[in-house]
């Protein structure tokens, strides 16, 4: 009997499949379906920093005419923010009550912000870990790349100071030196990095001449970027790597584990194919382990990380010309 168990952020997972923050993890009914389908853990759908702040402001605006005392505004603003935080934490608490698998809370944040002040409440609600889902569009030409990167560093420092529970950071890949930033995050005491975030992108409807969201779900070939960086960095870090984006099959799951990921996050493939997709991927993993005579994930996890290979150049640009040559030969 194969053991699919793994350790991620110090948490014991029965298998390495985590259902990422999404509509799949936004209700108790769906969370139960994730567990029943075999998921090793769930990330509760993110609460957005902007949502908290804008919804709170909107609530205050509705009663602005009734605020006859200057200090009432501050009181009601705080009470309004508490309302939205309370609703989220109640979902986390309920999930912990009905699920046997680890429950990871998630904050989609743009900076350290006031949400850090709620740190102890995230701990008290029983979350097993916290994932910071960082989303920055560097669209201001007056802000340098170094400033953007330091914003990430400040965020992690503030969160690490406030939260004692396991902490992960989910990031995109658009840094001037991604390897350097990953190393910085590791040294700041993160328990895990999630590679990579799939950010919202806009599109244009040429009939209505209006904006529309681009494709939200990932394609099955989008895993290659996280695969490369998992392999390049996994053996160098103290923190764990969780691979994300484009992980649609058990085969891709195996690849990420070989590269050194401790776990993976799935979303699009479950949205497309339903919750049974999770158990299908786990069955594929078990069949592969049987075929290669592995009885546990620990036996092969990370064996193809760059530092552990006799010829690690395959993960870097040196293989580019060989790849082009292979394409020509196929033609």
C-alpha atoms as a PDB file:
ATOM      1  CA  UNK A   1       0.000   0.000   0.000  1.00  0.00           C
ATOM      2  CA  UNK A   2       1.493   3.332  -1.056  1.00  0.00           C
ATOM      3  CA  UNK A   3       1.765   6.209   1.392  1.00  0.00           C
ATOM      4  CA  UNK A   4       0.707   9.477  -0.211  1.00  0.00           C
ATOM      5  CA  UNK A   5       1.269  11.492   2.957  1.00  0.00           C
ATOM      6  CA  UNK A   6       3.468  14.569   2.961  1.00  0.00           C
ATOM      7  CA  UNK A   7       4.492  17.414   5.237  1.00  0.00           C
ATOM      8  CA  UNK A   8       3.697  20.970   4.154  1.00  0.00           C
ATOM      9  CA  UNK A   9       4.436  23.979   6.379  1.00  0.00           C
ATOM     10  CA  UNK A  10       4.812  21.491   9.208  1.00  0.00           C
ATOM     11  CA  UNK A  11       1.253  20.263   8.644  1.00  0.00           C
ATOM     12  CA  UNK A  12       0.599  16.570   8.105  1.00  0.00           C
ATOM     13  CA  UNK A  13      -1.312  16.076   4.848  1.00  0.00           C
ATOM     14  CA  UNK A  14      -2.742  12.708   3.830  1.00  0.00           C
ATOM     15  CA  UNK A  15      -1.732  13.556   0.259  1.00  0.00           C
ATOM     16  CA  UNK A  16      -0.149  16.535  -1.562  1.00  0.00           C
ATOM     17  CA  UNK A  17      -3.274  17.898  -3.295  1.00  0.00           C
ATOM     18  CA  UNK A  18      -4.553  21.176  -1.846  1.00  0.00           C
ATOM     19  CA  UNK A  19      -7.634  22.853  -3.284  1.00  0.00           C
ATOM     20  CA  UNK A  20      -6.610  26.486  -3.748  1.00  0.00           C
ATOM     21  CA  UNK A  21      -8.524  29.649  -2.933  1.00  0.00           C
ATOM     22  CA  UNK A  22     -11.449  29.792  -5.356  1.00  0.00           C
ATOM     23  CA  UNK A  23     -15.240  29.361  -5.554  1.00  0.00           C
ATOM     24  CA  UNK A  24     -14.491  25.701  -4.812  1.00  0.00           C
ATOM     25  CA  UNK A  25     -13.593  26.683  -1.244  1.00  0.00           C
ATOM     26  CA  UNK A  26     -16.096  29.494  -0.649  1.00  0.00           C
ATOM     27  CA  UNK A  27     -18.897  27.496   1.023  1.00  0.00           C
ATOM     28  CA  UNK A  28     -19.134  24.740   3.604  1.00  0.00           C
ATOM     29  CA  UNK A  29     -20.871  22.466   1.112  1.00  0.00           C
ATOM     30  CA  UNK A  30     -18.030  22.783  -1.382  1.00  0.00           C
ATOM     31  CA  UNK A  31     -15.397  22.383   1.318  1.00  0.00           C
ATOM     32  CA  UNK A  32     -17.006  19.122   2.366  1.00  0.00           C
ATOM     33  CA  UNK A  33     -16.989  17.973  -1.272  1.00  0.00           C
ATOM     34  CA  UNK A  34     -13.268  18.759  -1.488  1.00  0.00           C
ATOM     35  CA  UNK A  35     -12.565  16.536   1.503  1.00  0.00           C
ATOM     36  CA  UNK A  36     -14.875  13.761   0.301  1.00  0.00           C
ATOM     37  CA  UNK A  37     -13.086  13.750  -3.071  1.00  0.00           C
ATOM     38  CA  UNK A  38      -9.778  13.172  -1.299  1.00  0.00           C
ATOM     39  CA  UNK A  39      -8.118  16.593  -0.974  1.00  0.00           C
ATOM     40  CA  UNK A  40      -5.244  16.746   1.489  1.00  0.00           C
ATOM     41  CA  UNK A  41      -6.033  20.330   2.556  1.00  0.00           C
ATOM     42  CA  UNK A  42      -8.066  23.372   1.516  1.00  0.00           C
ATOM     43  CA  UNK A  43      -7.342  27.087   1.248  1.00  0.00           C
ATOM     44  CA  UNK A  44     -10.492  29.026   2.130  1.00  0.00           C
ATOM     45  CA  UNK A  45     -11.413  31.525  -0.586  1.00  0.00           C
ATOM     46  CA  UNK A  46      -9.424  34.695   0.039  1.00  0.00           C
ATOM     47  CA  UNK A  47     -10.801  37.659   1.843  1.00  0.00           C
ATOM     48  CA  UNK A  48      -9.688  40.752  -0.104  1.00  0.00           C
ATOM     49  CA  UNK A  49      -8.086  43.710   1.610  1.00  0.00           C
ATOM     50  CA  UNK A  50      -9.705  46.068  -0.917  1.00  0.00           C
ATOM     51  CA  UNK A  51     -13.106  44.465  -0.361  1.00  0.00           C
ATOM     52  CA  UNK A  52     -12.927  44.971   3.376  1.00  0.00           C
ATOM     53  CA  UNK A  53     -11.893  48.594   3.013  1.00  0.00           C
ATOM     54  CA  UNK A  54     -14.283  49.556   0.208  1.00  0.00           C
ATOM     55  CA  UNK A  55     -17.290  47.738   1.683  1.00  0.00           C
ATOM     56  CA  UNK A  56     -16.648  49.329   5.031  1.00  0.00           C
ATOM     57  CA  UNK A  57     -16.405  52.778   3.440  1.00  0.00           C
ATOM     58  CA  UNK A  58     -19.615  52.183   1.477  1.00  0.00           C
ATOM     59  CA  UNK A  59     -21.458  51.225   4.647  1.00  0.00           C
ATOM     60  CA  UNK A  60     -20.274  54.387   6.356  1.00  0.00           C
ATOM     61  CA  UNK A  61     -21.277  56.529   3.369  1.00  0.00           C
ATOM     62  CA  UNK A  62     -24.859  55.294   3.636  1.00  0.00           C
ATOM     63  CA  UNK A  63     -25.216  56.770   7.121  1.00  0.00           C
ATOM     64  CA  UNK A  64     -22.879  59.747   6.697  1.00  0.00           C
ATOM     65  CA  UNK A  65     -25.655  62.287   7.377  1.00  0.00           C
ATOM     66  CA  UNK A  66     -26.323  60.747  10.774  1.00  0.00           C
ATOM     67  CA  UNK A  67     -22.748  61.022  12.067  1.00  0.00           C
ATOM     68  CA  UNK A  68     -23.052  64.045  14.327  1.00  0.00           C
ATOM     69  CA  UNK A  69     -19.954  63.246  16.382  1.00  0.00           C
ATOM     70  CA  UNK A  70     -16.482  63.268  14.893  1.00  0.00           C
ATOM     71  CA  UNK A  71     -15.406  60.130  16.765  1.00  0.00           C
ATOM     72  CA  UNK A  72     -18.461  58.187  15.560  1.00  0.00           C
ATOM     73  CA  UNK A  73     -16.957  57.763  12.115  1.00  0.00           C
ATOM     74  CA  UNK A  74     -13.913  55.931  13.408  1.00  0.00           C
ATOM     75  CA  UNK A  75     -16.032  53.720  15.636  1.00  0.00           C
ATOM     76  CA  UNK A  76     -18.470  52.731  12.895  1.00  0.00           C
ATOM     77  CA  UNK A  77     -15.722  52.226  10.340  1.00  0.00           C
ATOM     78  CA  UNK A  78     -14.038  49.759  12.679  1.00  0.00           C
ATOM     79  CA  UNK A  79     -17.347  48.035  13.410  1.00  0.00           C
ATOM     80  CA  UNK A  80     -18.057  47.700   9.682  1.00  0.00           C
ATOM     81  CA  UNK A  81     -14.655  46.158   9.005  1.00  0.00           C
ATOM     82  CA  UNK A  82     -15.251  43.800  11.910  1.00  0.00           C
ATOM     83  CA  UNK A  83     -18.463  42.674  10.227  1.00  0.00           C
ATOM     84  CA  UNK A  84     -16.690  41.518   7.060  1.00  0.00           C
ATOM     85  CA  UNK A  85     -13.793  39.985   8.960  1.00  0.00           C
ATOM     86  CA  UNK A  86     -16.249  38.183  11.255  1.00  0.00           C
ATOM     87  CA  UNK A  87     -18.093  36.653   8.301  1.00  0.00           C
ATOM     88  CA  UNK A  88     -14.849  35.277   6.904  1.00  0.00           C
ATOM     89  CA  UNK A  89     -13.561  33.954  10.196  1.00  0.00           C
ATOM     90  CA  UNK A  90     -16.921  32.287  10.843  1.00  0.00           C
ATOM     91  CA  UNK A  91     -16.439  30.334   7.609  1.00  0.00           C
ATOM     92  CA  UNK A  92     -12.971  29.263   8.734  1.00  0.00           C
ATOM     93  CA  UNK A  93     -14.304  28.215  12.138  1.00  0.00           C
ATOM     94  CA  UNK A  94     -17.140  26.228  10.592  1.00  0.00           C
ATOM     95  CA  UNK A  95     -14.732  24.561   8.168  1.00  0.00           C
ATOM     96  CA  UNK A  96     -12.511  23.512  11.067  1.00  0.00           C
ATOM     97  CA  UNK A  97     -15.545  22.085  12.821  1.00  0.00           C
ATOM     98  CA  UNK A  98     -16.712  19.868   9.936  1.00  0.00           C
ATOM     99  CA  UNK A  99     -13.440  18.929   8.211  1.00  0.00           C
ATOM    100  CA  UNK A 100     -10.696  16.571   9.273  1.00  0.00           C
ATOM    101  CA  UNK A 101      -8.121  17.973   6.829  1.00  0.00           C
ATOM    102  CA  UNK A 102      -6.031  21.134   7.403  1.00  0.00           C
ATOM    103  CA  UNK A 103      -7.815  24.419   6.758  1.00  0.00           C
ATOM    104  CA  UNK A 104      -5.697  27.319   5.500  1.00  0.00           C
ATOM    105  CA  UNK A 105      -7.049  30.877   5.698  1.00  0.00           C
ATOM    106  CA  UNK A 106      -6.128  33.312   2.931  1.00  0.00           C
ATOM    107  CA  UNK A 107      -5.824  37.077   2.629  1.00  0.00           C
ATOM    108  CA  UNK A 108      -5.529  38.703  -0.793  1.00  0.00           C
ATOM    109  CA  UNK A 109      -3.565  41.787   0.140  1.00  0.00           C
ATOM    110  CA  UNK A 110      -1.896  44.716  -1.562  1.00  0.00           C
ATOM    111  CA  UNK A 111       0.196  45.840   1.417  1.00  0.00           C
ATOM    112  CA  UNK A 112       0.593  45.280   5.139  1.00  0.00           C
ATOM    113  CA  UNK A 113      -2.554  47.354   5.727  1.00  0.00           C
ATOM    114  CA  UNK A 114      -4.950  47.261   8.650  1.00  0.00           C
ATOM    115  CA  UNK A 115      -5.728  43.567   8.194  1.00  0.00           C
ATOM    116  CA  UNK A 116      -2.513  42.791  10.097  1.00  0.00           C
ATOM    117  CA  UNK A 117      -4.228  44.186  13.203  1.00  0.00           C
ATOM    118  CA  UNK A 118      -6.623  41.234  13.048  1.00  0.00           C
ATOM    119  CA  UNK A 119      -3.790  38.754  13.447  1.00  0.00           C
ATOM    120  CA  UNK A 120      -4.823  37.184  16.718  1.00  0.00           C
ATOM    121  CA  UNK A 121      -8.372  36.676  15.469  1.00  0.00           C
ATOM    122  CA  UNK A 122      -7.084  34.539  12.601  1.00  0.00           C
ATOM    123  CA  UNK A 123      -5.200  32.474  15.148  1.00  0.00           C
ATOM    124  CA  UNK A 124      -8.212  32.239  17.475  1.00  0.00           C
ATOM    125  CA  UNK A 125     -10.571  31.046  14.729  1.00  0.00           C
ATOM    126  CA  UNK A 126      -8.549  27.840  14.493  1.00  0.00           C
ATOM    127  CA  UNK A 127      -6.961  28.178  11.060  1.00  0.00           C
ATOM    128  CA  UNK A 128      -4.134  25.679  10.647  1.00  0.00           C
ATOM    129  CA  UNK A 129      -2.108  28.149   8.556  1.00  0.00           C
ATOM    130  CA  UNK A 130      -2.365  31.470   6.762  1.00  0.00           C
ATOM    131  CA  UNK A 131      -1.658  32.140   3.098  1.00  0.00           C
ATOM    132  CA  UNK A 132      -0.883  35.682   1.935  1.00  0.00           C
ATOM    133  CA  UNK A 133      -2.116  36.046  -1.614  1.00  0.00           C
ATOM    134  CA  UNK A 134      -0.134  39.019  -2.911  1.00  0.00           C
ATOM    135  CA  UNK A 135      -1.346  40.813  -6.036  1.00  0.00           C
ATOM    136  CA  UNK A 136       0.513  43.883  -7.297  1.00  0.00           C
ATOM    137  CA  UNK A 137       0.124  45.349 -10.786  1.00  0.00           C
ATOM    138  CA  UNK A 138       3.218  47.503 -11.265  1.00  0.00           C
ATOM    139  CA  UNK A 139       1.426  50.030 -13.477  1.00  0.00           C
ATOM    140  CA  UNK A 140       2.783  53.219 -11.898  1.00  0.00           C
ATOM    141  CA  UNK A 141       5.825  54.314 -13.895  1.00  0.00           C
ATOM    142  CA  UNK A 142       6.961  56.440 -10.952  1.00  0.00           C
ATOM    143  CA  UNK A 143       7.411  53.353  -8.764  1.00  0.00           C
ATOM    144  CA  UNK A 144      10.599  51.367  -9.323  1.00  0.00           C
ATOM    145  CA  UNK A 145      10.912  47.614  -9.293  1.00  0.00           C
ATOM    146  CA  UNK A 146      12.990  47.870  -6.126  1.00  0.00           C
ATOM    147  CA  UNK A 147      10.145  49.730  -4.400  1.00  0.00           C
ATOM    148  CA  UNK A 148       7.648  47.065  -5.436  1.00  0.00           C
ATOM    149  CA  UNK A 149       9.905  44.323  -4.128  1.00  0.00           C
ATOM    150  CA  UNK A 150      10.461  46.127  -0.825  1.00  0.00           C
ATOM    151  CA  UNK A 151       6.696  46.328  -0.458  1.00  0.00           C
ATOM    152  CA  UNK A 152       6.594  42.538  -0.563  1.00  0.00           C
ATOM    153  CA  UNK A 153       9.375  42.361   2.016  1.00  0.00           C
ATOM    154  CA  UNK A 154       7.545  44.751   4.366  1.00  0.00           C
ATOM    155  CA  UNK A 155       4.389  42.703   3.996  1.00  0.00           C
ATOM    156  CA  UNK A 156       6.119  39.452   4.936  1.00  0.00           C
ATOM    157  CA  UNK A 157       7.969  41.051   7.852  1.00  0.00           C
ATOM    158  CA  UNK A 158       4.751  42.514   9.273  1.00  0.00           C
ATOM    159  CA  UNK A 159       2.841  39.256   8.867  1.00  0.00           C
ATOM    160  CA  UNK A 160       5.642  37.129  10.301  1.00  0.00           C
ATOM    161  CA  UNK A 161       5.854  39.416  13.334  1.00  0.00           C
ATOM    162  CA  UNK A 162       2.094  39.224  13.922  1.00  0.00           C
ATOM    163  CA  UNK A 163       1.340  35.575  13.093  1.00  0.00           C
ATOM    164  CA  UNK A 164       2.857  32.590  14.846  1.00  0.00           C
ATOM    165  CA  UNK A 165       0.882  30.014  12.885  1.00  0.00           C
ATOM    166  CA  UNK A 166       2.420  28.542   9.669  1.00  0.00           C
ATOM    167  CA  UNK A 167       2.662  31.272   7.027  1.00  0.00           C
ATOM    168  CA  UNK A 168       2.884  31.015   3.244  1.00  0.00           C
ATOM    169  CA  UNK A 169       3.149  33.617   0.495  1.00  0.00           C
ATOM    170  CA  UNK A 170       1.564  33.118  -2.922  1.00  0.00           C
ATOM    171  CA  UNK A 171       3.343  35.225  -5.531  1.00  0.00           C
ATOM    172  CA  UNK A 172       3.559  35.841  -9.249  1.00  0.00           C
ATOM    173  CA  UNK A 173       6.748  35.346 -11.232  1.00  0.00           C
ATOM    174  CA  UNK A 174       7.308  38.921 -12.436  1.00  0.00           C
ATOM    175  CA  UNK A 175      10.360  40.009 -10.466  1.00  0.00           C
ATOM    176  CA  UNK A 176      13.598  41.395 -11.871  1.00  0.00           C
ATOM    177  CA  UNK A 177      15.473  38.631 -10.051  1.00  0.00           C
ATOM    178  CA  UNK A 178      13.018  35.969  -8.989  1.00  0.00           C
ATOM    179  CA  UNK A 179      15.671  33.712  -7.443  1.00  0.00           C
ATOM    180  CA  UNK A 180      16.903  36.571  -5.247  1.00  0.00           C
ATOM    181  CA  UNK A 181      13.389  37.424  -4.079  1.00  0.00           C
ATOM    182  CA  UNK A 182      12.596  33.795  -3.296  1.00  0.00           C
ATOM    183  CA  UNK A 183      15.756  33.612  -1.208  1.00  0.00           C
ATOM    184  CA  UNK A 184      14.822  36.835   0.615  1.00  0.00           C
ATOM    185  CA  UNK A 185      11.361  35.485   1.425  1.00  0.00           C
ATOM    186  CA  UNK A 186      12.893  32.274   2.715  1.00  0.00           C
ATOM    187  CA  UNK A 187      15.238  34.179   5.017  1.00  0.00           C
ATOM    188  CA  UNK A 188      12.322  36.175   6.425  1.00  0.00           C
ATOM    189  CA  UNK A 189      10.988  33.010   8.009  1.00  0.00           C
ATOM    190  CA  UNK A 190       8.158  31.978   5.718  1.00  0.00           C
ATOM    191  CA  UNK A 191       7.057  28.386   6.057  1.00  0.00           C
ATOM    192  CA  UNK A 192       6.168  28.058   2.370  1.00  0.00           C
ATOM    193  CA  UNK A 193       6.058  29.797  -0.992  1.00  0.00           C
ATOM    194  CA  UNK A 194       3.270  29.101  -3.482  1.00  0.00           C
ATOM    195  CA  UNK A 195       4.543  29.313  -7.081  1.00  0.00           C
ATOM    196  CA  UNK A 196       2.741  30.900  -8.890  1.00  0.00           C
ATOM    197  CA  UNK A 197      -0.296  33.099  -8.593  1.00  0.00           C
ATOM    198  CA  UNK A 198      -2.456  33.295 -11.719  1.00  0.00           C
ATOM    199  CA  UNK A 199      -3.510  36.915 -11.791  1.00  0.00           C
ATOM    200  CA  UNK A 200      -6.652  38.392 -13.246  1.00  0.00           C
ATOM    201  CA  UNK A 201      -6.156  39.780 -16.763  1.00  0.00           C
ATOM    202  CA  UNK A 202      -8.522  42.069 -18.688  1.00  0.00           C
ATOM    203  CA  UNK A 203      -9.677  41.572 -22.258  1.00  0.00           C
ATOM    204  CA  UNK A 204     -11.820  43.545 -24.721  1.00  0.00           C
ATOM    205  CA  UNK A 205     -15.165  42.626 -26.242  1.00  0.00           C
ATOM    206  CA  UNK A 206     -14.872  44.086 -29.749  1.00  0.00           C
ATOM    207  CA  UNK A 207     -18.659  43.975 -30.273  1.00  0.00           C
ATOM    208  CA  UNK A 208     -19.672  45.909 -27.173  1.00  0.00           C
ATOM    209  CA  UNK A 209     -16.400  47.881 -26.979  1.00  0.00           C
ATOM    210  CA  UNK A 210     -16.199  47.100 -23.290  1.00  0.00           C
ATOM    211  CA  UNK A 211     -13.749  45.400 -20.996  1.00  0.00           C
ATOM    212  CA  UNK A 212     -14.280  41.789 -20.033  1.00  0.00           C
ATOM    213  CA  UNK A 213     -12.213  39.354 -17.994  1.00  0.00           C
ATOM    214  CA  UNK A 214      -9.803  37.163 -19.913  1.00  0.00           C
ATOM    215  CA  UNK A 215      -9.919  33.410 -19.420  1.00  0.00           C
ATOM    216  CA  UNK A 216      -9.909  32.787 -15.704  1.00  0.00           C
ATOM    217  CA  UNK A 217      -9.062  29.083 -15.687  1.00  0.00           C
ATOM    218  CA  UNK A 218      -5.572  27.878 -16.494  1.00  0.00           C
ATOM    219  CA  UNK A 219      -4.535  25.686 -19.396  1.00  0.00           C
ATOM    220  CA  UNK A 220      -2.913  22.317 -18.812  1.00  0.00           C
ATOM    221  CA  UNK A 221       0.449  23.469 -20.188  1.00  0.00           C
ATOM    222  CA  UNK A 222       0.820  26.425 -17.818  1.00  0.00           C
ATOM    223  CA  UNK A 223       2.534  24.309 -15.178  1.00  0.00           C
ATOM    224  CA  UNK A 224       5.956  24.593 -16.855  1.00  0.00           C
ATOM    225  CA  UNK A 225       6.963  27.895 -15.269  1.00  0.00           C
ATOM    226  CA  UNK A 226       6.277  26.747 -11.722  1.00  0.00           C
ATOM    227  CA  UNK A 227       7.947  23.420 -12.533  1.00  0.00           C
ATOM    228  CA  UNK A 228      11.162  25.146 -13.601  1.00  0.00           C
ATOM    229  CA  UNK A 229      11.351  27.407 -10.565  1.00  0.00           C
ATOM    230  CA  UNK A 230      10.418  24.644  -8.177  1.00  0.00           C
ATOM    231  CA  UNK A 231      13.303  22.586  -9.552  1.00  0.00           C
ATOM    232  CA  UNK A 232      15.702  25.538  -9.504  1.00  0.00           C
ATOM    233  CA  UNK A 233      14.984  26.603  -5.924  1.00  0.00           C
ATOM    234  CA  UNK A 234      13.490  23.759  -3.880  1.00  0.00           C
ATOM    235  CA  UNK A 235      16.793  22.275  -2.702  1.00  0.00           C
ATOM    236  CA  UNK A 236      18.166  25.697  -1.712  1.00  0.00           C
ATOM    237  CA  UNK A 237      15.379  26.725   0.653  1.00  0.00           C
ATOM    238  CA  UNK A 238      14.418  26.110   4.241  1.00  0.00           C
ATOM    239  CA  UNK A 239      10.766  26.785   3.434  1.00  0.00           C
ATOM    240  CA  UNK A 240       8.542  24.458   1.410  1.00  0.00           C
ATOM    241  CA  UNK A 241       7.359  25.055  -2.136  1.00  0.00           C
ATOM    242  CA  UNK A 242       3.766  24.470  -3.172  1.00  0.00           C
ATOM    243  CA  UNK A 243       3.338  24.446  -6.962  1.00  0.00           C
ATOM    244  CA  UNK A 244       0.320  26.136  -8.490  1.00  0.00           C
ATOM    245  CA  UNK A 245      -1.230  26.955 -11.911  1.00  0.00           C
ATOM    246  CA  UNK A 246      -1.785  24.480 -14.734  1.00  0.00           C
ATOM    247  CA  UNK A 247      -1.791  21.375 -12.559  1.00  0.00           C
ATOM    248  CA  UNK A 248      -4.573  19.431 -14.251  1.00  0.00           C
ATOM    249  CA  UNK A 249      -3.471  15.786 -14.142  1.00  0.00           C
ATOM    250  CA  UNK A 250      -1.789  13.203 -11.987  1.00  0.00           C
ATOM    251  CA  UNK A 251       1.138  13.253 -14.409  1.00  0.00           C
ATOM    252  CA  UNK A 252       1.737  16.952 -13.736  1.00  0.00           C
ATOM    253  CA  UNK A 253       1.403  16.299 -10.010  1.00  0.00           C
ATOM    254  CA  UNK A 254       4.174  13.691 -10.269  1.00  0.00           C
ATOM    255  CA  UNK A 255       6.410  16.130 -12.159  1.00  0.00           C
ATOM    256  CA  UNK A 256       6.046  18.805  -9.496  1.00  0.00           C
ATOM    257  CA  UNK A 257       6.851  16.320  -6.730  1.00  0.00           C
ATOM    258  CA  UNK A 258       9.932  15.144  -8.610  1.00  0.00           C
ATOM    259  CA  UNK A 259      11.049  18.772  -8.935  1.00  0.00           C
ATOM    260  CA  UNK A 260      10.775  19.248  -5.185  1.00  0.00           C
ATOM    261  CA  UNK A 261       7.298  20.610  -4.451  1.00  0.00           C
ATOM    262  CA  UNK A 262       5.905  19.389  -1.135  1.00  0.00           C
ATOM    263  CA  UNK A 263       2.348  19.946  -2.319  1.00  0.00           C
ATOM    264  CA  UNK A 264       0.358  21.382  -5.209  1.00  0.00           C
ATOM    265  CA  UNK A 265      -2.691  23.599  -5.437  1.00  0.00           C
ATOM    266  CA  UNK A 266      -5.457  22.704  -7.882  1.00  0.00           C
ATOM    267  CA  UNK A 267      -8.412  24.756  -9.007  1.00  0.00           C
ATOM    268  CA  UNK A 268      -9.082  24.995 -12.766  1.00  0.00           C
ATOM    269  CA  UNK A 269      -9.112  21.262 -13.411  1.00  0.00           C
ATOM    270  CA  UNK A 270     -11.689  20.754 -10.640  1.00  0.00           C
ATOM    271  CA  UNK A 271     -13.775  23.648 -11.943  1.00  0.00           C
ATOM    272  CA  UNK A 272     -13.721  22.018 -15.390  1.00  0.00           C
ATOM    273  CA  UNK A 273     -14.197  18.377 -14.447  1.00  0.00           C
ATOM    274  CA  UNK A 274     -15.804  18.412 -11.012  1.00  0.00           C
ATOM    275  CA  UNK A 275     -14.638  17.267  -7.577  1.00  0.00           C
ATOM    276  CA  UNK A 276     -13.974  13.639  -8.675  1.00  0.00           C
ATOM    277  CA  UNK A 277     -10.959  15.010 -10.537  1.00  0.00           C
ATOM    278  CA  UNK A 278      -9.090  15.069  -7.233  1.00  0.00           C
ATOM    279  CA  UNK A 279      -9.429  11.320  -6.673  1.00  0.00           C
ATOM    280  CA  UNK A 280      -8.568  10.682 -10.332  1.00  0.00           C
ATOM    281  CA  UNK A 281      -5.295  12.563  -9.929  1.00  0.00           C
ATOM    282  CA  UNK A 282      -4.477  10.640  -6.761  1.00  0.00           C
ATOM    283  CA  UNK A 283      -5.140   7.344  -8.548  1.00  0.00           C
ATOM    284  CA  UNK A 284      -2.746   8.416 -11.322  1.00  0.00           C
ATOM    285  CA  UNK A 285      -0.121   9.202  -8.700  1.00  0.00           C
ATOM    286  CA  UNK A 286      -0.546   5.802  -7.068  1.00  0.00           C
ATOM    287  CA  UNK A 287      -0.291   3.971 -10.396  1.00  0.00           C
ATOM    288  CA  UNK A 288       2.908   5.824 -11.237  1.00  0.00           C
ATOM    289  CA  UNK A 289       4.398   5.019  -7.834  1.00  0.00           C
ATOM    290  CA  UNK A 290       3.528   1.337  -8.292  1.00  0.00           C
ATOM    291  CA  UNK A 291       5.129   1.280 -11.743  1.00  0.00           C
ATOM    292  CA  UNK A 292       8.345   2.787 -10.364  1.00  0.00           C
ATOM    293  CA  UNK A 293       8.273   0.775  -7.144  1.00  0.00           C
ATOM    294  CA  UNK A 294       7.978   3.718  -4.776  1.00  0.00           C
ATOM    295  CA  UNK A 295       6.070   3.130  -1.569  1.00  0.00           C
ATOM    296  CA  UNK A 296       6.150   6.738  -0.337  1.00  0.00           C
ATOM    297  CA  UNK A 297       6.414  10.227  -1.769  1.00  0.00           C
ATOM    298  CA  UNK A 298       9.501  10.878   0.350  1.00  0.00           C
ATOM    299  CA  UNK A 299      11.429   8.339  -1.730  1.00  0.00           C
ATOM    300  CA  UNK A 300      11.278  10.452  -4.899  1.00  0.00           C
ATOM    301  CA  UNK A 301      10.332  13.939  -3.741  1.00  0.00           C
ATOM    302  CA  UNK A 302      12.864  16.411  -5.165  1.00  0.00           C
ATOM    303  CA  UNK A 303      15.188  13.913  -6.856  1.00  0.00           C
ATOM    304  CA  UNK A 304      15.093  16.034 -10.018  1.00  0.00           C
ATOM    305  CA  UNK A 305      15.749  19.348  -8.265  1.00  0.00           C
ATOM    306  CA  UNK A 306      18.639  21.161  -9.905  1.00  0.00           C
ATOM    307  CA  UNK A 307      21.128  20.650  -7.068  1.00  0.00           C
ATOM    308  CA  UNK A 308      20.496  16.908  -7.017  1.00  0.00           C
ATOM    309  CA  UNK A 309      21.056  16.221 -10.714  1.00  0.00           C
ATOM    310  CA  UNK A 310      24.325  15.191 -12.345  1.00  0.00           C
ATOM    311  CA  UNK A 311      23.556  17.555 -15.234  1.00  0.00           C
ATOM    312  CA  UNK A 312      21.396  20.400 -13.871  1.00  0.00           C
ATOM    313  CA  UNK A 313      21.656  22.532 -17.023  1.00  0.00           C
ATOM    314  CA  UNK A 314      18.348  21.204 -18.323  1.00  0.00           C
ATOM    315  CA  UNK A 315      16.499  23.602 -16.026  1.00  0.00           C
ATOM    316  CA  UNK A 316      18.257  26.639 -17.489  1.00  0.00           C
ATOM    317  CA  UNK A 317      18.678  28.420 -20.823  1.00  0.00           C
ATOM    318  CA  UNK A 318      21.523  26.159 -21.983  1.00  0.00           C
ATOM    319  CA  UNK A 319      18.957  23.686 -23.289  1.00  0.00           C
ATOM    320  CA  UNK A 320      17.183  26.268 -25.456  1.00  0.00           C
ATOM    321  CA  UNK A 321      19.052  25.515 -28.684  1.00  0.00           C
ATOM    322  CA  UNK A 322      18.594  21.767 -28.141  1.00  0.00           C
ATOM    323  CA  UNK A 323      14.861  22.324 -27.773  1.00  0.00           C
ATOM    324  CA  UNK A 324      14.750  24.295 -31.016  1.00  0.00           C
ATOM    325  CA  UNK A 325      16.694  21.551 -32.754  1.00  0.00           C
ATOM    326  CA  UNK A 326      14.173  19.011 -31.533  1.00  0.00           C
ATOM    327  CA  UNK A 327      11.301  21.054 -32.972  1.00  0.00           C
ATOM    328  CA  UNK A 328      13.036  21.212 -36.364  1.00  0.00           C
ATOM    329  CA  UNK A 329      13.569  17.450 -36.357  1.00  0.00           C
ATOM    330  CA  UNK A 330       9.861  16.852 -35.651  1.00  0.00           C
ATOM    331  CA  UNK A 331       8.994  18.941 -38.699  1.00  0.00           C
END
